[in-house]
Protein backbone atom coordinates (compact mmCIF):
# COMPACT_ATOMS: atom_id res chain seq x y z
CA MET A 1 -38.28 9.33 53.21
CA ASP A 2 -41.46 7.31 53.73
CA PHE A 3 -42.43 4.92 50.94
CA PRO A 4 -46.03 3.81 50.33
CA ALA A 5 -47.07 0.24 50.90
CA ALA A 6 -46.96 -2.27 48.04
CA GLY A 7 -49.94 -2.04 45.72
CA MET A 8 -50.34 1.75 46.03
CA PRO A 9 -50.04 3.81 42.84
CA VAL A 10 -46.71 5.30 41.75
CA ILE A 11 -46.02 8.65 43.41
CA THR A 12 -44.64 11.54 41.37
CA LYS A 13 -43.38 14.81 42.87
CA SER A 14 -42.41 17.98 41.05
CA LEU A 15 -39.71 20.22 42.51
CA ASP A 16 -39.06 23.86 41.49
CA THR A 17 -35.30 24.02 41.83
CA ARG A 18 -34.12 26.91 39.66
CA ALA A 19 -35.00 30.61 39.59
CA ARG A 20 -34.27 33.35 37.11
CA LEU A 21 -34.78 37.14 37.03
CA ALA A 22 -36.74 38.47 34.10
CA PRO A 23 -37.19 42.21 33.38
CA GLY A 24 -40.81 43.34 33.55
CA ALA A 25 -42.74 46.44 32.50
CA ARG A 26 -41.86 49.95 33.86
CA GLY A 27 -38.35 48.87 34.86
CA ARG A 28 -39.54 46.63 37.61
CA ARG A 29 -37.85 43.25 38.01
CA GLU A 30 -40.06 40.27 38.63
CA LEU A 31 -39.01 36.98 40.03
CA ALA A 32 -39.87 34.09 37.75
CA TYR A 33 -39.40 30.45 38.41
CA GLU A 34 -38.50 27.85 35.90
CA ALA A 35 -39.68 24.41 37.03
CA ASP A 36 -37.30 21.54 36.86
CA THR A 37 -39.46 18.48 37.40
CA HIS A 38 -38.03 15.34 39.00
CA THR A 39 -40.12 12.16 39.12
CA LEU A 40 -39.78 9.66 41.91
CA LEU A 41 -40.85 6.14 40.91
CA ILE A 42 -41.70 3.53 43.50
CA MET A 43 -41.85 -0.18 42.60
CA THR A 44 -45.21 -1.79 43.24
CA ASN A 45 -46.59 -5.28 42.66
CA GLU A 46 -47.79 -4.19 39.24
CA ASN A 47 -44.20 -3.42 38.20
CA ALA A 48 -42.87 -6.82 39.31
CA PRO A 49 -41.69 -9.18 36.53
CA VAL A 50 -44.15 -11.89 35.45
CA PRO A 51 -42.81 -15.43 36.02
CA GLU A 52 -42.32 -17.64 32.94
CA ILE A 53 -44.60 -20.57 32.19
CA ARG A 54 -42.99 -23.98 32.61
CA VAL A 55 -42.45 -25.99 29.42
CA SER A 56 -43.92 -29.47 28.83
CA HIS A 57 -42.35 -32.72 27.64
CA ALA A 58 -43.82 -32.08 24.17
CA ASP A 59 -42.08 -28.68 24.06
CA ARG A 60 -38.74 -30.29 24.92
CA ASP A 61 -39.28 -33.03 22.31
CA ARG A 62 -39.96 -30.48 19.56
CA VAL A 63 -36.75 -28.59 20.30
CA ALA A 64 -34.77 -31.85 20.51
CA GLU A 65 -36.08 -32.86 17.08
CA GLN A 66 -35.13 -29.47 15.64
CA LEU A 67 -31.60 -29.91 17.02
CA ARG A 68 -31.25 -33.39 15.53
CA VAL A 69 -32.39 -32.23 12.11
CA ALA A 70 -29.94 -29.32 12.26
CA ALA A 71 -27.12 -31.70 13.11
CA GLY A 72 -28.11 -33.98 10.23
CA ASP A 73 -27.89 -30.97 7.91
CA GLY A 74 -24.39 -30.20 9.15
CA ARG A 75 -25.34 -27.08 11.12
CA LEU A 76 -24.23 -28.51 14.47
CA THR A 77 -21.23 -30.62 15.41
CA MET A 78 -21.58 -33.78 17.47
CA GLU A 79 -20.33 -31.98 20.57
CA GLU A 80 -22.78 -29.12 20.07
CA LEU A 81 -25.64 -31.56 19.54
CA ASP A 82 -24.85 -33.48 22.74
CA GLU A 83 -24.60 -30.29 24.77
CA ARG A 84 -27.81 -28.76 23.44
CA LEU A 85 -29.81 -31.98 23.72
CA GLU A 86 -28.87 -32.31 27.37
CA ARG A 87 -29.91 -28.71 28.01
CA ALA A 88 -33.16 -29.20 26.08
CA LEU A 89 -34.16 -32.31 28.04
CA THR A 90 -33.60 -30.53 31.37
CA ALA A 91 -35.03 -27.12 30.41
CA ARG A 92 -37.74 -25.70 32.66
CA THR A 93 -38.83 -22.47 30.96
CA GLY A 94 -39.45 -21.28 27.42
CA SER A 95 -36.45 -18.94 27.42
CA GLU A 96 -34.14 -21.84 28.25
CA LEU A 97 -35.42 -23.68 25.16
CA ALA A 98 -35.51 -20.64 22.87
CA VAL A 99 -31.82 -19.88 23.30
CA LEU A 100 -30.94 -23.34 21.94
CA THR A 101 -32.46 -22.70 18.50
CA THR A 102 -31.99 -18.97 17.90
CA ASP A 103 -29.25 -19.66 15.32
CA LEU A 104 -31.12 -22.52 13.60
CA PRO A 105 -33.86 -22.52 10.93
CA ALA A 106 -37.34 -23.52 11.99
CA THR A 107 -38.69 -26.92 11.04
CA ALA A 108 -42.20 -28.20 10.50
CA ASP A 109 -41.97 -30.19 13.73
CA ALA A 110 -41.17 -27.01 15.67
CA ALA A 111 -44.76 -25.78 15.33
CA PRO A 112 -47.07 -26.53 18.26
CA ALA A 113 -48.93 -29.78 17.77
CA VAL A 114 -52.54 -30.51 18.57
CA PRO A 115 -52.73 -32.23 21.96
CA ALA A 116 -53.45 -35.94 21.72
CA VAL A 117 -56.20 -37.53 23.80
CA ALA A 118 -55.20 -40.64 25.73
CA LYS A 119 -57.50 -43.50 26.71
CA GLU A 120 -57.75 -44.90 30.19
CA LEU A 121 -57.48 -48.46 28.83
CA ALA A 122 -56.46 -49.72 25.37
CA ARG A 123 -56.37 -53.30 24.12
CA ILE A 124 -54.17 -54.96 21.50
CA GLU A 125 -54.73 -58.57 20.48
CA VAL A 126 -52.66 -60.29 17.77
CA SER A 127 -52.82 -63.94 16.79
CA SER A 128 -50.32 -64.51 13.94
CA GLY A 129 -49.89 -61.03 12.45
CA SER A 130 -48.12 -57.90 13.65
CA THR A 131 -49.16 -54.57 15.13
CA VAL A 132 -47.09 -51.40 15.49
CA ARG A 133 -47.74 -48.21 17.43
CA GLU A 134 -45.29 -45.52 16.32
CA GLY A 135 -45.03 -41.84 15.49
CA ARG A 136 -47.19 -39.41 17.46
CA TRP A 137 -49.60 -41.62 19.36
CA ALA A 138 -51.17 -41.01 22.75
CA VAL A 139 -49.95 -43.37 25.46
CA PRO A 140 -52.93 -44.67 27.48
CA ARG A 141 -53.01 -45.08 31.25
CA ALA A 142 -53.27 -48.89 30.93
CA LEU A 143 -52.71 -51.36 28.10
CA ASP A 144 -53.91 -54.95 27.74
CA VAL A 145 -51.76 -56.90 25.23
CA LYS A 146 -52.35 -60.47 24.04
CA VAL A 147 -49.96 -62.01 21.51
CA GLY A 148 -50.22 -65.52 20.01
CA SER A 149 -47.52 -66.22 17.43
CA GLY A 150 -47.40 -62.67 16.08
CA SER A 151 -45.65 -59.51 17.25
CA VAL A 152 -46.50 -56.18 18.85
CA ARG A 153 -44.14 -53.20 18.83
CA LEU A 154 -44.77 -50.09 20.92
CA ASP A 155 -42.46 -47.30 19.75
CA LEU A 156 -42.31 -44.45 22.27
CA THR A 157 -39.74 -42.38 20.38
CA HIS A 158 -42.27 -39.69 19.42
CA ALA A 159 -45.25 -40.80 21.51
CA VAL A 160 -47.28 -38.29 23.51
CA ILE A 161 -46.96 -39.10 27.19
CA THR A 162 -49.92 -37.86 29.20
CA GLY A 163 -49.34 -39.58 32.54
CA PRO A 164 -46.46 -40.68 34.78
CA VAL A 165 -47.28 -44.43 34.75
CA LEU A 166 -48.32 -46.92 32.08
CA GLN A 167 -49.46 -50.33 33.30
CA ILE A 168 -49.17 -53.11 30.70
CA SER A 169 -50.86 -56.45 31.29
CA ALA A 170 -49.24 -58.81 28.77
CA GLU A 171 -50.00 -62.38 27.75
CA VAL A 172 -47.38 -63.57 25.25
CA ARG A 173 -47.26 -67.15 23.96
CA SER A 174 -44.82 -67.81 21.12
CA GLY A 175 -44.83 -64.25 19.81
CA SER A 176 -43.11 -61.08 20.98
CA LEU A 177 -43.83 -57.75 22.63
CA THR A 178 -41.22 -55.05 21.97
CA ILE A 179 -41.19 -51.69 23.74
CA VAL A 180 -38.93 -49.08 22.11
CA THR A 181 -37.95 -46.56 24.77
CA ARG A 182 -36.39 -43.10 24.83
CA PRO A 183 -34.53 -41.07 27.50
CA GLY A 184 -36.84 -40.49 30.45
CA VAL A 185 -38.76 -43.76 30.00
CA GLU A 186 -38.23 -46.49 32.61
CA VAL A 187 -39.49 -50.07 32.12
CA VAL A 188 -39.96 -52.65 34.88
CA VAL A 189 -40.70 -56.33 34.07
CA ASP A 190 -40.36 -57.80 37.57
CA GLU A 191 -44.01 -58.91 37.67
CA VAL A 192 -43.79 -61.06 34.49
CA SER A 193 -43.79 -64.85 34.90
CA VAL A 194 -41.66 -66.65 32.29
CA SER A 195 -41.90 -70.30 31.22
CA SER A 196 -39.46 -70.96 28.38
CA GLY A 197 -39.27 -67.46 26.92
CA SER A 198 -37.68 -64.25 28.18
CA ALA A 199 -38.50 -60.82 29.62
CA ARG A 200 -35.66 -58.30 29.70
CA VAL A 201 -34.84 -54.60 29.61
CA ARG A 202 -31.90 -53.30 27.59
CA ARG A 203 -30.36 -49.86 27.91
CA ARG A 204 -27.84 -47.91 25.89
CA ALA A 205 -24.91 -46.69 27.95
CA ASP A 206 -24.74 -43.26 26.30
CA ASP A 207 -28.43 -42.62 27.10
CA GLU A 208 -27.97 -42.88 30.86
CA HIS A 209 -27.75 -39.16 31.63
CA LEU A 210 -29.37 -37.26 34.45
CA VAL A 211 -32.70 -37.15 32.62
CA PRO A 212 -35.75 -37.10 34.89
CA THR A 213 -38.15 -40.01 34.48
CA GLU A 214 -41.29 -38.86 32.66
CA LEU A 215 -42.87 -42.29 32.22
CA ARG A 216 -42.61 -45.49 34.23
CA ILE A 217 -43.89 -48.61 32.43
CA GLU A 218 -44.88 -51.45 34.74
CA VAL A 219 -45.26 -54.73 32.84
CA SER A 220 -47.02 -57.72 34.38
CA GLY A 221 -48.39 -60.97 32.99
CA SER A 222 -46.85 -64.09 31.48
CA VAL A 223 -44.55 -65.32 28.72
CA LYS A 224 -44.57 -68.95 27.58
CA SER A 225 -42.14 -69.48 24.70
CA GLY A 226 -42.12 -65.90 23.41
CA SER A 227 -40.38 -62.72 24.56
CA ILE A 228 -40.93 -59.31 26.09
CA VAL A 229 -38.15 -56.83 25.33
CA ALA A 230 -37.75 -53.17 26.24
CA ARG A 231 -34.91 -51.48 24.36
CA PRO A 232 -33.77 -48.14 22.92
CA PRO A 233 -34.10 -47.59 19.15
CA ARG A 234 -31.71 -49.39 16.82
CA ARG A 235 -30.22 -46.41 15.06
CA SER A 236 -27.66 -45.94 12.36
CA PHE A 237 -25.44 -42.86 12.55
CA LEU A 238 -27.75 -40.77 10.36
CA ASN A 239 -30.87 -42.03 12.12
CA TRP A 240 -29.31 -41.18 15.46
CA LEU A 241 -28.78 -37.60 14.32
CA ARG A 242 -32.35 -37.26 13.14
CA GLY A 243 -33.93 -39.09 16.06
CA ARG A 244 -35.55 -41.68 13.82
CA LYS A 245 -36.09 -45.29 14.80
CA GLY A 246 -33.81 -47.96 13.34
């Protein structure tokens, strides 16, 4: 049997396969046919399944937050939370994420959020006070930070990451610059010159899974008697379940 090329319309063919004898007028017998129609369907490009749209980092974060809240409410065990979080952070399509929350109630954070707009360059300057960036804030492409005797804390736990690299130019005297990381965020401080202070990166052992790097933070600049620290959140048990900062 010859099949049409892809893209051609579906072909249908009717076959008369059964016959019956029906009595007619004046004793004559007439041959009547009863049609038994069979339809032959041929797959074309129009019948092909539509590929799923890839999910974003924000989509994965929303599902991860929903899982943490469910665990905090007692709906998931610790083992279930660990397993689902790992699957959420490595999910590629919407169906892979949806299956993780089908047996859980929806949360306010599960609704799609309005995309945040990131700046190319942002500046933070603190003399003796303190400045905090936390919650849902847009991470810029570059950041210029100057700290006298105060403190600056950049909390990336729920930040919106719009690019693969963040370059931070830091000038810290006797104050401090703290970068709170999350899985998928890598910090490098090799280009920081230190006088009598410190520049270090701390990691939590249980966070070192096979999570792809979504943001690389390259810190350069100088530290005199202050400090630059990149660390994961300080979390209590309950805060760890809910994904809140410590």
